[in-house]
């Protein structure tokens, strides 16, 4: 298993309100919106996505000669 190729990737966490589509900078910002009595945001509106970007890498596949 030590011969596995490591592919460079970048991960980005996205915190979003399911109902309104609003994107928050962090989970803490979402929690503050839930705690704010001036909004109707509830904990059920929470949505968390993970976006992973992988760089294009040659897999080193060769054809038979």
PDB file of N, CA and C in Angstrom:
ATOM      1  N   UNK A   1       0.811  -1.209   0.000  1.00  0.00           N
ATOM      2  CA  UNK A   1       0.000   0.000   0.000  1.00  0.00           C
ATOM      3  C   UNK A   1       0.854   1.273   0.000  1.00  0.00           C
ATOM      4  N   UNK A   2       2.121   1.176   0.240  1.00  0.00           N
ATOM      5  CA  UNK A   2       2.957   2.372   0.290  1.00  0.00           C
ATOM      6  C   UNK A   2       3.230   2.939  -1.101  1.00  0.00           C
ATOM      7  N   UNK A   3       2.869   2.219  -2.161  1.00  0.00           N
ATOM      8  CA  UNK A   3       3.117   2.701  -3.511  1.00  0.00           C
ATOM      9  C   UNK A   3       1.922   3.456  -4.107  1.00  0.00           C
ATOM     10  N   UNK A   4       0.971   3.865  -3.280  1.00  0.00           N
ATOM     11  CA  UNK A   4      -0.180   4.624  -3.752  1.00  0.00           C
ATOM     12  C   UNK A   4       0.242   6.027  -4.172  1.00  0.00           C
ATOM     13  N   UNK A   5      -0.329   6.498  -5.255  1.00  0.00           N
ATOM     14  CA  UNK A   5      -0.027   7.830  -5.753  1.00  0.00           C
ATOM     15  C   UNK A   5      -0.851   8.854  -4.970  1.00  0.00           C
ATOM     16  N   UNK A   6      -0.193   9.895  -4.486  1.00  0.00           N
ATOM     17  CA  UNK A   6      -0.901  10.975  -3.797  1.00  0.00           C
ATOM     18  C   UNK A   6      -1.225  12.051  -4.811  1.00  0.00           C
ATOM     19  N   UNK A   7      -2.500  12.374  -4.921  1.00  0.00           N
ATOM     20  CA  UNK A   7      -2.961  13.385  -5.870  1.00  0.00           C
ATOM     21  C   UNK A   7      -3.241  14.675  -5.109  1.00  0.00           C
ATOM     22  N   UNK A   8      -2.635  15.786  -5.525  1.00  0.00           N
ATOM     23  CA  UNK A   8      -2.891  17.050  -4.837  1.00  0.00           C
ATOM     24  C   UNK A   8      -4.360  17.459  -4.997  1.00  0.00           C
ATOM     25  N   UNK A   9      -4.979  17.826  -3.895  1.00  0.00           N
ATOM     26  CA  UNK A   9      -6.382  18.231  -3.911  1.00  0.00           C
ATOM     27  C   UNK A   9      -6.599  19.368  -2.921  1.00  0.00           C
ATOM     28  N   UNK A  10      -7.671  20.093  -3.156  1.00  0.00           N
ATOM     29  CA  UNK A  10      -8.022  21.222  -2.298  1.00  0.00           C
ATOM     30  C   UNK A  10      -9.466  21.032  -1.842  1.00  0.00           C
ATOM     31  N   UNK A  11      -9.713  21.100  -0.533  1.00  0.00           N
ATOM     32  CA  UNK A  11     -11.063  20.913   0.002  1.00  0.00           C
ATOM     33  C   UNK A  11     -11.605  22.240   0.528  1.00  0.00           C
ATOM     34  N   UNK A  12     -12.894  22.480   0.277  1.00  0.00           N
ATOM     35  CA  UNK A  12     -13.548  23.705   0.737  1.00  0.00           C
ATOM     36  C   UNK A  12     -14.890  23.325   1.357  1.00  0.00           C
ATOM     37  N   UNK A  13     -15.094  23.729   2.609  1.00  0.00           N
ATOM     38  CA  UNK A  13     -16.349  23.472   3.307  1.00  0.00           C
ATOM     39  C   UNK A  13     -17.324  24.612   3.011  1.00  0.00           C
ATOM     40  N   UNK A  14     -18.551  24.249   2.656  1.00  0.00           N
ATOM     41  CA  UNK A  14     -19.568  25.251   2.339  1.00  0.00           C
ATOM     42  C   UNK A  14     -20.740  25.071   3.307  1.00  0.00           C
ATOM     43  N   UNK A  15     -21.008  26.114   4.096  1.00  0.00           N
ATOM     44  CA  UNK A  15     -22.121  26.129   5.042  1.00  0.00           C
ATOM     45  C   UNK A  15     -23.228  26.964   4.413  1.00  0.00           C
ATOM     46  N   UNK A  16     -24.431  26.381   4.325  1.00  0.00           N
ATOM     47  CA  UNK A  16     -25.510  27.021   3.577  1.00  0.00           C
ATOM     48  C   UNK A  16     -26.848  26.849   4.293  1.00  0.00           C
ATOM     49  N   UNK A  17     -27.738  27.797   4.068  1.00  0.00           N
ATOM     50  CA  UNK A  17     -29.110  27.704   4.543  1.00  0.00           C
ATOM     51  C   UNK A  17     -29.911  26.994   3.456  1.00  0.00           C
ATOM     52  N   UNK A  18     -30.460  25.818   3.767  1.00  0.00           N
ATOM     53  CA  UNK A  18     -31.207  25.018   2.787  1.00  0.00           C
ATOM     54  C   UNK A  18     -32.386  25.768   2.190  1.00  0.00           C
ATOM     55  N   UNK A  19     -33.056  26.514   3.020  1.00  0.00           N
ATOM     56  CA  UNK A  19     -34.296  27.162   2.607  1.00  0.00           C
ATOM     57  C   UNK A  19     -34.049  28.433   1.797  1.00  0.00           C
ATOM     58  N   UNK A  20     -33.100  29.258   2.244  1.00  0.00           N
ATOM     59  CA  UNK A  20     -32.881  30.550   1.580  1.00  0.00           C
ATOM     60  C   UNK A  20     -31.717  30.535   0.595  1.00  0.00           C
ATOM     61  N   UNK A  21     -30.805  29.566   0.731  1.00  0.00           N
ATOM     62  CA  UNK A  21     -29.639  29.511  -0.141  1.00  0.00           C
ATOM     63  C   UNK A  21     -28.494  30.399   0.316  1.00  0.00           C
ATOM     64  N   UNK A  22     -28.666  31.089   1.437  1.00  0.00           N
ATOM     65  CA  UNK A  22     -27.612  31.969   1.941  1.00  0.00           C
ATOM     66  C   UNK A  22     -26.387  31.136   2.315  1.00  0.00           C
ATOM     67  N   UNK A  23     -25.199  31.622   1.921  1.00  0.00           N
ATOM     68  CA  UNK A  23     -23.936  30.943   2.242  1.00  0.00           C
ATOM     69  C   UNK A  23     -23.272  31.702   3.386  1.00  0.00           C
ATOM     70  N   UNK A  24     -22.820  30.956   4.386  1.00  0.00           N
ATOM     71  CA  UNK A  24     -22.193  31.532   5.574  1.00  0.00           C
ATOM     72  C   UNK A  24     -20.683  31.300   5.532  1.00  0.00           C
ATOM     73  N   UNK A  25     -19.940  32.192   6.162  1.00  0.00           N
ATOM     74  CA  UNK A  25     -18.482  32.070   6.202  1.00  0.00           C
ATOM     75  C   UNK A  25     -18.044  30.917   7.103  1.00  0.00           C
ATOM     76  N   UNK A  26     -18.874  30.576   8.093  1.00  0.00           N
ATOM     77  CA  UNK A  26     -18.511  29.507   9.029  1.00  0.00           C
ATOM     78  C   UNK A  26     -19.771  28.957   9.704  1.00  0.00           C
ATOM     79  N   UNK A  27     -19.612  27.849  10.397  1.00  0.00           N
ATOM     80  CA  UNK A  27     -20.719  27.249  11.162  1.00  0.00           C
ATOM     81  C   UNK A  27     -21.146  28.202  12.271  1.00  0.00           C
ATOM     82  N   UNK A  28     -20.186  28.919  12.837  1.00  0.00           N
ATOM     83  CA  UNK A  28     -20.494  29.881  13.904  1.00  0.00           C
ATOM     84  C   UNK A  28     -21.417  30.990  13.391  1.00  0.00           C
ATOM     85  N   UNK A  29     -21.211  31.436  12.158  1.00  0.00           N
ATOM     86  CA  UNK A  29     -22.087  32.459  11.572  1.00  0.00           C
ATOM     87  C   UNK A  29     -23.506  31.917  11.393  1.00  0.00           C
ATOM     88  N   UNK A  30     -23.612  30.661  10.994  1.00  0.00           N
ATOM     89  CA  UNK A  30     -24.947  30.041  10.868  1.00  0.00           C
ATOM     90  C   UNK A  30     -25.607  29.963  12.238  1.00  0.00           C
ATOM     91  N   UNK A  31     -24.859  29.517  13.250  1.00  0.00           N
ATOM     92  CA  UNK A  31     -25.398  29.418  14.609  1.00  0.00           C
ATOM     93  C   UNK A  31     -25.865  30.778  15.121  1.00  0.00           C
ATOM     94  N   UNK A  32     -25.125  31.835  14.782  1.00  0.00           N
ATOM     95  CA  UNK A  32     -25.533  33.190  15.180  1.00  0.00           C
ATOM     96  C   UNK A  32     -26.836  33.589  14.495  1.00  0.00           C
ATOM     97  N   UNK A  33     -27.014  33.169  13.248  1.00  0.00           N
ATOM     98  CA  UNK A  33     -28.254  33.459  12.525  1.00  0.00           C
ATOM     99  C   UNK A  33     -29.432  32.726  13.164  1.00  0.00           C
ATOM    100  N   UNK A  34     -29.212  31.498  13.600  1.00  0.00           N
ATOM    101  CA  UNK A  34     -30.259  30.729  14.286  1.00  0.00           C
ATOM    102  C   UNK A  34     -30.624  31.417  15.606  1.00  0.00           C
ATOM    103  N   UNK A  35     -29.620  31.896  16.331  1.00  0.00           N
ATOM    104  CA  UNK A  35     -29.845  32.529  17.637  1.00  0.00           C
ATOM    105  C   UNK A  35     -30.482  33.923  17.517  1.00  0.00           C
ATOM    106  N   UNK A  36     -30.394  34.540  16.354  1.00  0.00           N
ATOM    107  CA  UNK A  36     -30.934  35.885  16.144  1.00  0.00           C
ATOM    108  C   UNK A  36     -32.465  35.826  16.102  1.00  0.00           C
ATOM    109  N   UNK A  37     -33.132  36.494  17.032  1.00  0.00           N
ATOM    110  CA  UNK A  37     -34.604  36.457  17.063  1.00  0.00           C
ATOM    111  C   UNK A  37     -35.238  37.200  15.885  1.00  0.00           C
ATOM    112  N   UNK A  38     -34.460  37.991  15.150  1.00  0.00           N
ATOM    113  CA  UNK A  38     -34.990  38.755  14.017  1.00  0.00           C
ATOM    114  C   UNK A  38     -35.039  37.939  12.718  1.00  0.00           C
ATOM    115  N   UNK A  39     -34.537  36.693  12.747  1.00  0.00           N
ATOM    116  CA  UNK A  39     -34.596  35.835  11.559  1.00  0.00           C
ATOM    117  C   UNK A  39     -35.424  34.594  11.876  1.00  0.00           C
ATOM    118  N   UNK A  40     -35.920  33.947  10.833  1.00  0.00           N
ATOM    119  CA  UNK A  40     -36.695  32.719  11.050  1.00  0.00           C
ATOM    120  C   UNK A  40     -35.856  31.468  10.759  1.00  0.00           C
ATOM    121  N   UNK A  41     -34.533  31.618  10.762  1.00  0.00           N
ATOM    122  CA  UNK A  41     -33.625  30.490  10.510  1.00  0.00           C
ATOM    123  C   UNK A  41     -33.661  29.524  11.689  1.00  0.00           C
ATOM    124  N   UNK A  42     -33.772  28.213  11.374  1.00  0.00           N
ATOM    125  CA  UNK A  42     -33.765  27.183  12.413  1.00  0.00           C
ATOM    126  C   UNK A  42     -32.612  26.216  12.145  1.00  0.00           C
ATOM    127  N   UNK A  43     -32.338  25.358  13.109  1.00  0.00           N
ATOM    128  CA  UNK A  43     -31.259  24.380  12.947  1.00  0.00           C
ATOM    129  C   UNK A  43     -31.565  23.403  11.806  1.00  0.00           C
ATOM    130  N   UNK A  44     -32.833  23.238  11.465  1.00  0.00           N
ATOM    131  CA  UNK A  44     -33.217  22.360  10.361  1.00  0.00           C
ATOM    132  C   UNK A  44     -32.828  22.930   8.997  1.00  0.00           C
ATOM    133  N   UNK A  45     -32.496  24.220   8.948  1.00  0.00           N
ATOM    134  CA  UNK A  45     -32.099  24.861   7.694  1.00  0.00           C
ATOM    135  C   UNK A  45     -30.618  24.625   7.369  1.00  0.00           C
ATOM    136  N   UNK A  46     -29.891  23.976   8.258  1.00  0.00           N
ATOM    137  CA  UNK A  46     -28.446  23.766   8.098  1.00  0.00           C
ATOM    138  C   UNK A  46     -28.135  22.793   6.966  1.00  0.00           C
ATOM    139  N   UNK A  47     -27.182  23.190   6.126  1.00  0.00           N
ATOM    140  CA  UNK A  47     -26.680  22.312   5.068  1.00  0.00           C
ATOM    141  C   UNK A  47     -25.162  22.501   4.990  1.00  0.00           C
ATOM    142  N   UNK A  48     -24.439  21.399   4.929  1.00  0.00           N
ATOM    143  CA  UNK A  48     -22.979  21.451   4.854  1.00  0.00           C
ATOM    144  C   UNK A  48     -22.524  20.615   3.666  1.00  0.00           C
ATOM    145  N   UNK A  49     -21.772  21.234   2.772  1.00  0.00           N
ATOM    146  CA  UNK A  49     -21.236  20.553   1.597  1.00  0.00           C
ATOM    147  C   UNK A  49     -19.718  20.617   1.646  1.00  0.00           C
ATOM    148  N   UNK A  50     -19.100  19.700   0.951  1.00  0.00           N
ATOM    149  CA  UNK A  50     -17.648  19.686   0.839  1.00  0.00           C
ATOM    150  C   UNK A  50     -17.312  19.654  -0.643  1.00  0.00           C
ATOM    151  N   UNK A  51     -16.599  20.664  -1.092  1.00  0.00           N
ATOM    152  CA  UNK A  51     -16.195  20.758  -2.497  1.00  0.00           C
ATOM    153  C   UNK A  51     -14.720  20.384  -2.568  1.00  0.00           C
ATOM    154  N   UNK A  52     -14.403  19.414  -3.409  1.00  0.00           N
ATOM    155  CA  UNK A  52     -13.011  18.974  -3.545  1.00  0.00           C
ATOM    156  C   UNK A  52     -12.563  19.212  -4.976  1.00  0.00           C
ATOM    157  N   UNK A  53     -11.475  19.952  -5.122  1.00  0.00           N
ATOM    158  CA  UNK A  53     -10.895  20.207  -6.440  1.00  0.00           C
ATOM    159  C   UNK A  53      -9.605  19.407  -6.537  1.00  0.00           C
ATOM    160  N   UNK A  54      -9.515  18.610  -7.589  1.00  0.00           N
ATOM    161  CA  UNK A  54      -8.338  17.778  -7.815  1.00  0.00           C
ATOM    162  C   UNK A  54      -7.650  18.292  -9.072  1.00  0.00           C
ATOM    163  N   UNK A  55      -6.338  18.442  -8.989  1.00  0.00           N
ATOM    164  CA  UNK A  55      -5.602  18.891 -10.160  1.00  0.00           C
ATOM    165  C   UNK A  55      -5.534  17.773 -11.191  1.00  0.00           C
ATOM    166  N   UNK A  56      -5.409  18.129 -12.432  1.00  0.00           N
ATOM    167  CA  UNK A  56      -5.326  17.137 -13.504  1.00  0.00           C
ATOM    168  C   UNK A  56      -3.971  16.445 -13.408  1.00  0.00           C
ATOM    169  N   UNK A  57      -4.015  15.137 -13.326  1.00  0.00           N
ATOM    170  CA  UNK A  57      -2.797  14.347 -13.156  1.00  0.00           C
ATOM    171  C   UNK A  57      -2.804  13.195 -14.144  1.00  0.00           C
ATOM    172  N   UNK A  58      -1.676  12.949 -14.751  1.00  0.00           N
ATOM    173  CA  UNK A  58      -1.546  11.791 -15.625  1.00  0.00           C
ATOM    174  C   UNK A  58      -1.444  10.546 -14.757  1.00  0.00           C
ATOM    175  N   UNK A  59      -2.225   9.540 -15.082  1.00  0.00           N
ATOM    176  CA  UNK A  59      -2.221   8.332 -14.277  1.00  0.00           C
ATOM    177  C   UNK A  59      -1.131   7.347 -14.708  1.00  0.00           C
ATOM    178  N   UNK A  60      -0.363   7.705 -15.712  1.00  0.00           N
ATOM    179  CA  UNK A  60       0.753   6.866 -16.127  1.00  0.00           C
ATOM    180  C   UNK A  60       0.321   5.593 -16.822  1.00  0.00           C
ATOM    181  N   UNK A  61      -0.836   5.579 -17.444  1.00  0.00           N
ATOM    182  CA  UNK A  61      -1.333   4.385 -18.125  1.00  0.00           C
ATOM    183  C   UNK A  61      -0.652   4.293 -19.494  1.00  0.00           C
ATOM    184  N   UNK A  62      -0.151   3.117 -19.782  1.00  0.00           N
ATOM    185  CA  UNK A  62       0.503   2.894 -21.069  1.00  0.00           C
ATOM    186  C   UNK A  62      -0.247   1.817 -21.840  1.00  0.00           C
ATOM    187  N   UNK A  63      -0.209   1.908 -23.154  1.00  0.00           N
ATOM    188  CA  UNK A  63      -0.830   0.889 -23.989  1.00  0.00           C
ATOM    189  C   UNK A  63       0.203  -0.151 -24.370  1.00  0.00           C
ATOM    190  N   UNK A  64      -0.271  -1.325 -24.766  1.00  0.00           N
ATOM    191  CA  UNK A  64       0.634  -2.379 -25.209  1.00  0.00           C
ATOM    192  C   UNK A  64       1.314  -1.977 -26.495  1.00  0.00           C
ATOM    193  N   UNK A  65       2.554  -2.354 -26.619  1.00  0.00           N
ATOM    194  CA  UNK A  65       3.299  -2.043 -27.853  1.00  0.00           C
ATOM    195  C   UNK A  65       3.322  -3.235 -28.758  1.00  0.00           C
TER     196      UNK A  65
END
